[in-house]
N, C-alpha and C. Protein backbone atom coordinates (compact mmCIF):
# COMPACT_ATOMS: atom_id res chain seq x y z
N PHE A 1 2.18 -13.09 -25.79
CA PHE A 1 2.34 -14.08 -24.75
C PHE A 1 2.61 -15.48 -25.30
N ASN A 2 2.77 -15.58 -26.62
CA ASN A 2 3.01 -16.88 -27.23
C ASN A 2 4.31 -17.51 -26.75
N ALA A 3 5.34 -16.69 -26.56
CA ALA A 3 6.62 -17.22 -26.09
C ALA A 3 6.46 -17.85 -24.71
N LEU A 4 5.69 -17.21 -23.85
CA LEU A 4 5.45 -17.78 -22.51
C LEU A 4 4.65 -19.07 -22.59
N SER A 5 3.68 -19.12 -23.48
CA SER A 5 2.89 -20.34 -23.64
C SER A 5 3.76 -21.52 -24.03
N GLN A 6 4.76 -21.28 -24.86
CA GLN A 6 5.67 -22.35 -25.26
C GLN A 6 6.52 -22.83 -24.08
N LEU A 7 6.63 -22.00 -23.04
CA LEU A 7 7.37 -22.38 -21.83
C LEU A 7 6.42 -22.89 -20.75
N ASP A 8 5.17 -23.16 -21.13
CA ASP A 8 4.14 -23.67 -20.23
C ASP A 8 3.78 -22.68 -19.13
N VAL A 9 3.82 -21.39 -19.48
CA VAL A 9 3.38 -20.32 -18.59
C VAL A 9 2.31 -19.55 -19.36
N HIS A 10 1.14 -19.43 -18.77
CA HIS A 10 0.01 -18.87 -19.51
C HIS A 10 -0.48 -17.57 -18.87
N CYS A 11 -0.40 -16.50 -19.64
CA CYS A 11 -0.91 -15.20 -19.24
C CYS A 11 -2.16 -14.93 -20.07
N PRO A 12 -3.18 -14.38 -19.43
CA PRO A 12 -4.42 -14.13 -20.17
C PRO A 12 -4.25 -13.00 -21.19
N SER A 13 -4.79 -13.22 -22.37
CA SER A 13 -4.82 -12.19 -23.39
C SER A 13 -6.09 -12.41 -24.19
N PRO A 14 -6.93 -11.44 -24.36
CA PRO A 14 -6.82 -10.05 -23.91
C PRO A 14 -6.94 -9.94 -22.40
N LEU A 15 -6.82 -8.72 -21.91
CA LEU A 15 -6.89 -8.48 -20.47
C LEU A 15 -8.18 -9.03 -19.88
N PRO A 16 -8.08 -9.74 -18.77
CA PRO A 16 -9.31 -10.18 -18.11
C PRO A 16 -9.98 -9.00 -17.41
N ASP A 17 -11.17 -9.21 -16.96
CA ASP A 17 -11.91 -8.21 -16.21
C ASP A 17 -11.12 -7.83 -14.95
N LYS A 18 -11.24 -6.59 -14.53
CA LYS A 18 -10.48 -6.12 -13.36
C LYS A 18 -10.78 -6.94 -12.11
N SER A 19 -12.00 -7.44 -11.98
CA SER A 19 -12.35 -8.24 -10.80
C SER A 19 -11.55 -9.53 -10.77
N VAL A 20 -11.27 -10.11 -11.92
CA VAL A 20 -10.47 -11.33 -12.01
C VAL A 20 -9.03 -11.04 -11.58
N VAL A 21 -8.50 -9.92 -12.06
CA VAL A 21 -7.14 -9.53 -11.70
C VAL A 21 -7.06 -9.24 -10.20
N MET A 22 -8.04 -8.54 -9.66
CA MET A 22 -8.03 -8.22 -8.23
C MET A 22 -8.12 -9.48 -7.38
N LYS A 23 -8.93 -10.46 -7.80
CA LYS A 23 -9.01 -11.71 -7.05
C LYS A 23 -7.67 -12.42 -7.05
N ALA A 24 -7.01 -12.47 -8.20
CA ALA A 24 -5.69 -13.11 -8.28
C ALA A 24 -4.69 -12.37 -7.40
N TRP A 25 -4.77 -11.05 -7.40
CA TRP A 25 -3.86 -10.24 -6.59
C TRP A 25 -4.10 -10.50 -5.10
N ILE A 26 -5.36 -10.54 -4.68
CA ILE A 26 -5.70 -10.79 -3.28
C ILE A 26 -5.26 -12.19 -2.87
N ASP A 27 -5.45 -13.17 -3.74
CA ASP A 27 -5.02 -14.54 -3.44
C ASP A 27 -3.50 -14.60 -3.24
N MET A 28 -2.77 -13.92 -4.12
CA MET A 28 -1.31 -13.91 -3.99
C MET A 28 -0.88 -13.19 -2.71
N LYS A 29 -1.52 -12.08 -2.43
CA LYS A 29 -1.21 -11.32 -1.21
C LYS A 29 -1.47 -12.17 0.03
N ARG A 30 -2.57 -12.89 0.03
CA ARG A 30 -2.91 -13.76 1.16
C ARG A 30 -1.87 -14.88 1.32
N THR A 31 -1.42 -15.43 0.20
CA THR A 31 -0.37 -16.46 0.26
C THR A 31 0.89 -15.90 0.89
N LEU A 32 1.28 -14.70 0.49
CA LEU A 32 2.48 -14.07 1.06
C LEU A 32 2.30 -13.79 2.54
N GLU A 33 1.14 -13.31 2.93
CA GLU A 33 0.88 -13.01 4.35
C GLU A 33 0.92 -14.27 5.20
N ASN A 34 0.52 -15.40 4.63
CA ASN A 34 0.48 -16.65 5.38
C ASN A 34 1.79 -17.43 5.34
N THR A 35 2.78 -16.89 4.66
CA THR A 35 4.09 -17.54 4.57
C THR A 35 5.00 -16.97 5.65
N SER A 36 5.50 -17.84 6.50
CA SER A 36 6.38 -17.37 7.58
C SER A 36 7.72 -16.91 7.00
N ASP A 37 8.40 -16.08 7.79
CA ASP A 37 9.73 -15.63 7.37
C ASP A 37 10.67 -16.82 7.14
N ALA A 38 10.60 -17.80 8.04
CA ALA A 38 11.48 -18.96 7.92
C ALA A 38 11.23 -19.73 6.62
N VAL A 39 9.96 -19.92 6.29
CA VAL A 39 9.63 -20.63 5.04
C VAL A 39 10.08 -19.80 3.84
N PHE A 40 9.79 -18.52 3.89
CA PHE A 40 10.16 -17.64 2.77
C PHE A 40 11.67 -17.62 2.54
N LEU A 41 12.43 -17.55 3.60
CA LEU A 41 13.89 -17.50 3.48
C LEU A 41 14.50 -18.83 3.05
N ASN A 42 13.72 -19.89 3.12
CA ASN A 42 14.23 -21.20 2.74
C ASN A 42 13.64 -21.74 1.44
N TYR A 43 13.07 -20.84 0.62
CA TYR A 43 12.59 -21.30 -0.68
C TYR A 43 13.74 -21.89 -1.46
N LYS A 44 13.44 -22.95 -2.18
CA LYS A 44 14.47 -23.61 -2.99
C LYS A 44 14.82 -22.75 -4.19
N GLU A 45 15.92 -23.06 -4.79
CA GLU A 45 16.33 -22.39 -6.02
C GLU A 45 15.57 -22.99 -7.19
N MET A 46 15.11 -22.15 -8.08
CA MET A 46 14.38 -22.62 -9.26
C MET A 46 15.33 -23.44 -10.13
N SER A 47 14.89 -24.62 -10.54
CA SER A 47 15.78 -25.49 -11.32
C SER A 47 15.23 -25.81 -12.71
N ASP A 48 13.94 -25.63 -12.93
CA ASP A 48 13.32 -25.91 -14.23
C ASP A 48 13.76 -24.86 -15.24
N SER A 49 14.47 -25.28 -16.26
CA SER A 49 15.02 -24.32 -17.24
C SER A 49 13.92 -23.56 -17.98
N ASN A 50 12.77 -24.19 -18.22
CA ASN A 50 11.66 -23.48 -18.86
C ASN A 50 11.11 -22.38 -17.96
N LYS A 51 11.01 -22.65 -16.67
CA LYS A 51 10.49 -21.65 -15.73
C LYS A 51 11.49 -20.50 -15.59
N ILE A 52 12.78 -20.81 -15.58
CA ILE A 52 13.80 -19.76 -15.51
C ILE A 52 13.74 -18.88 -16.75
N ALA A 53 13.59 -19.50 -17.92
CA ALA A 53 13.46 -18.73 -19.16
C ALA A 53 12.20 -17.86 -19.12
N ALA A 54 11.11 -18.40 -18.59
CA ALA A 54 9.87 -17.63 -18.47
C ALA A 54 10.07 -16.44 -17.54
N MET A 55 10.79 -16.66 -16.45
CA MET A 55 11.06 -15.57 -15.51
C MET A 55 11.89 -14.47 -16.17
N LYS A 56 12.85 -14.85 -17.00
CA LYS A 56 13.66 -13.85 -17.71
C LYS A 56 12.77 -13.03 -18.65
N PHE A 57 11.86 -13.69 -19.32
CA PHE A 57 10.94 -13.01 -20.23
C PHE A 57 9.99 -12.10 -19.44
N LEU A 58 9.46 -12.62 -18.33
CA LEU A 58 8.55 -11.82 -17.50
C LEU A 58 9.27 -10.61 -16.90
N HIS A 59 10.56 -10.78 -16.57
CA HIS A 59 11.36 -9.67 -16.06
C HIS A 59 11.36 -8.52 -17.06
N LEU A 60 11.60 -8.84 -18.32
CA LEU A 60 11.57 -7.81 -19.37
C LEU A 60 10.17 -7.21 -19.52
N LEU A 61 9.16 -8.07 -19.44
CA LEU A 61 7.79 -7.58 -19.57
C LEU A 61 7.41 -6.63 -18.43
N ILE A 62 7.92 -6.88 -17.23
CA ILE A 62 7.65 -5.97 -16.12
C ILE A 62 8.16 -4.58 -16.47
N LEU A 63 9.36 -4.52 -16.99
CA LEU A 63 9.93 -3.21 -17.36
C LEU A 63 9.12 -2.54 -18.46
N TYR A 64 8.79 -3.29 -19.51
CA TYR A 64 8.05 -2.72 -20.63
C TYR A 64 6.64 -2.30 -20.23
N THR A 65 5.95 -3.15 -19.47
CA THR A 65 4.57 -2.82 -19.10
C THR A 65 4.53 -1.66 -18.12
N PHE A 66 5.56 -1.49 -17.31
CA PHE A 66 5.59 -0.37 -16.38
C PHE A 66 5.55 0.96 -17.15
N PHE A 67 6.28 1.01 -18.26
CA PHE A 67 6.36 2.24 -19.02
C PHE A 67 5.32 2.36 -20.14
N ALA A 68 4.88 1.25 -20.70
CA ALA A 68 4.05 1.34 -21.90
C ALA A 68 2.63 0.80 -21.74
N LYS A 69 2.46 -0.33 -21.14
CA LYS A 69 1.15 -0.98 -21.06
C LYS A 69 0.82 -1.30 -19.61
N GLN A 70 0.58 -0.27 -18.82
CA GLN A 70 0.43 -0.47 -17.38
C GLN A 70 -0.76 -1.33 -16.99
N ASP A 71 -1.74 -1.46 -17.86
CA ASP A 71 -2.88 -2.33 -17.55
C ASP A 71 -2.44 -3.78 -17.39
N TYR A 72 -1.36 -4.16 -18.08
CA TYR A 72 -0.87 -5.54 -18.00
C TYR A 72 0.07 -5.77 -16.82
N LEU A 73 0.55 -4.71 -16.20
CA LEU A 73 1.56 -4.84 -15.15
C LEU A 73 1.14 -5.76 -14.01
N PRO A 74 -0.06 -5.62 -13.44
CA PRO A 74 -0.43 -6.53 -12.34
C PRO A 74 -0.42 -8.00 -12.76
N ILE A 75 -0.85 -8.28 -13.97
CA ILE A 75 -0.88 -9.67 -14.45
C ILE A 75 0.53 -10.23 -14.55
N ILE A 76 1.46 -9.43 -15.05
CA ILE A 76 2.85 -9.88 -15.21
C ILE A 76 3.48 -10.09 -13.83
N ILE A 77 3.22 -9.18 -12.91
CA ILE A 77 3.77 -9.33 -11.55
C ILE A 77 3.20 -10.58 -10.89
N ILE A 78 1.90 -10.76 -10.99
CA ILE A 78 1.26 -11.94 -10.39
C ILE A 78 1.86 -13.22 -10.97
N GLN A 79 2.02 -13.27 -12.27
CA GLN A 79 2.57 -14.47 -12.91
C GLN A 79 4.00 -14.73 -12.42
N SER A 80 4.80 -13.68 -12.32
CA SER A 80 6.18 -13.82 -11.83
C SER A 80 6.21 -14.31 -10.39
N MET A 81 5.33 -13.77 -9.58
CA MET A 81 5.28 -14.17 -8.18
C MET A 81 4.79 -15.61 -8.04
N GLN A 82 3.81 -16.00 -8.84
CA GLN A 82 3.32 -17.38 -8.77
C GLN A 82 4.42 -18.36 -9.15
N LEU A 83 5.19 -18.03 -10.17
CA LEU A 83 6.31 -18.91 -10.55
C LEU A 83 7.31 -19.00 -9.41
N THR A 84 7.62 -17.88 -8.79
CA THR A 84 8.57 -17.88 -7.67
C THR A 84 8.04 -18.70 -6.51
N LEU A 85 6.79 -18.49 -6.14
CA LEU A 85 6.23 -19.20 -4.99
C LEU A 85 6.05 -20.69 -5.25
N ASN A 86 5.78 -21.05 -6.50
CA ASN A 86 5.52 -22.46 -6.82
C ASN A 86 6.75 -23.24 -7.25
N HIS A 87 7.76 -22.55 -7.80
CA HIS A 87 8.90 -23.27 -8.39
C HIS A 87 10.25 -22.86 -7.82
N GLY A 88 10.27 -21.91 -6.90
CA GLY A 88 11.52 -21.50 -6.28
C GLY A 88 12.00 -20.15 -6.79
N VAL A 89 13.11 -19.72 -6.21
CA VAL A 89 13.64 -18.39 -6.53
C VAL A 89 14.76 -18.48 -7.57
N CYS A 90 14.88 -17.40 -8.33
CA CYS A 90 15.96 -17.23 -9.29
C CYS A 90 16.33 -15.74 -9.26
N LYS A 91 17.30 -15.33 -10.04
CA LYS A 91 17.72 -13.93 -10.05
C LYS A 91 16.54 -13.00 -10.33
N GLU A 92 15.72 -13.39 -11.28
CA GLU A 92 14.61 -12.54 -11.69
C GLU A 92 13.51 -12.45 -10.63
N SER A 93 13.54 -13.34 -9.65
CA SER A 93 12.56 -13.26 -8.56
C SER A 93 12.72 -11.95 -7.78
N CYS A 94 13.93 -11.42 -7.75
CA CYS A 94 14.17 -10.14 -7.05
C CYS A 94 13.32 -9.04 -7.68
N VAL A 95 13.26 -9.01 -8.99
CA VAL A 95 12.46 -8.00 -9.69
C VAL A 95 10.97 -8.23 -9.41
N ALA A 96 10.55 -9.48 -9.41
CA ALA A 96 9.16 -9.79 -9.12
C ALA A 96 8.78 -9.34 -7.71
N LEU A 97 9.64 -9.64 -6.74
CA LEU A 97 9.37 -9.26 -5.36
C LEU A 97 9.37 -7.74 -5.18
N ALA A 98 10.32 -7.06 -5.80
CA ALA A 98 10.37 -5.60 -5.71
C ALA A 98 9.15 -4.97 -6.37
N SER A 99 8.76 -5.49 -7.52
CA SER A 99 7.58 -4.96 -8.22
C SER A 99 6.31 -5.20 -7.41
N CYS A 100 6.23 -6.37 -6.83
CA CYS A 100 5.09 -6.71 -5.98
C CYS A 100 5.03 -5.76 -4.79
N SER A 101 6.16 -5.51 -4.16
CA SER A 101 6.23 -4.60 -3.01
C SER A 101 5.79 -3.20 -3.41
N TYR A 102 6.31 -2.74 -4.54
CA TYR A 102 5.93 -1.41 -5.04
C TYR A 102 4.42 -1.33 -5.24
N PHE A 103 3.89 -2.33 -5.89
CA PHE A 103 2.47 -2.34 -6.22
C PHE A 103 1.63 -2.36 -4.94
N LEU A 104 2.03 -3.16 -3.95
CA LEU A 104 1.30 -3.24 -2.69
C LEU A 104 1.34 -1.91 -1.93
N CYS A 105 2.46 -1.21 -2.00
CA CYS A 105 2.60 0.08 -1.32
C CYS A 105 1.83 1.19 -2.03
N GLU A 106 1.79 1.14 -3.33
CA GLU A 106 1.14 2.21 -4.10
C GLU A 106 -0.38 2.07 -4.16
N PHE A 107 -0.85 0.83 -4.15
CA PHE A 107 -2.28 0.63 -4.36
C PHE A 107 -2.82 -0.10 -3.20
């Protein structure tokens, strides 16, 4: 996660306790539930080059953690979604949203 830290995006390592991850997941889910369709559809485009680079890196991590290190997958999805919700949308936000949807449907 050192590359992300250099982009001012911080993922916990080692893995935090499951209760911490679940709280973060519930908080993100609540934020999404409280966001109207109109607000969601009008999110600005992400313009911070460091955040866009972080999203590209997180996009790759979603793929890798899905197949290899699934314990990290919720953390990577949460981080991607937080960047999208706080800094706007980019191409990689599609992967974050799809992964989030999958995770919400499966668990």
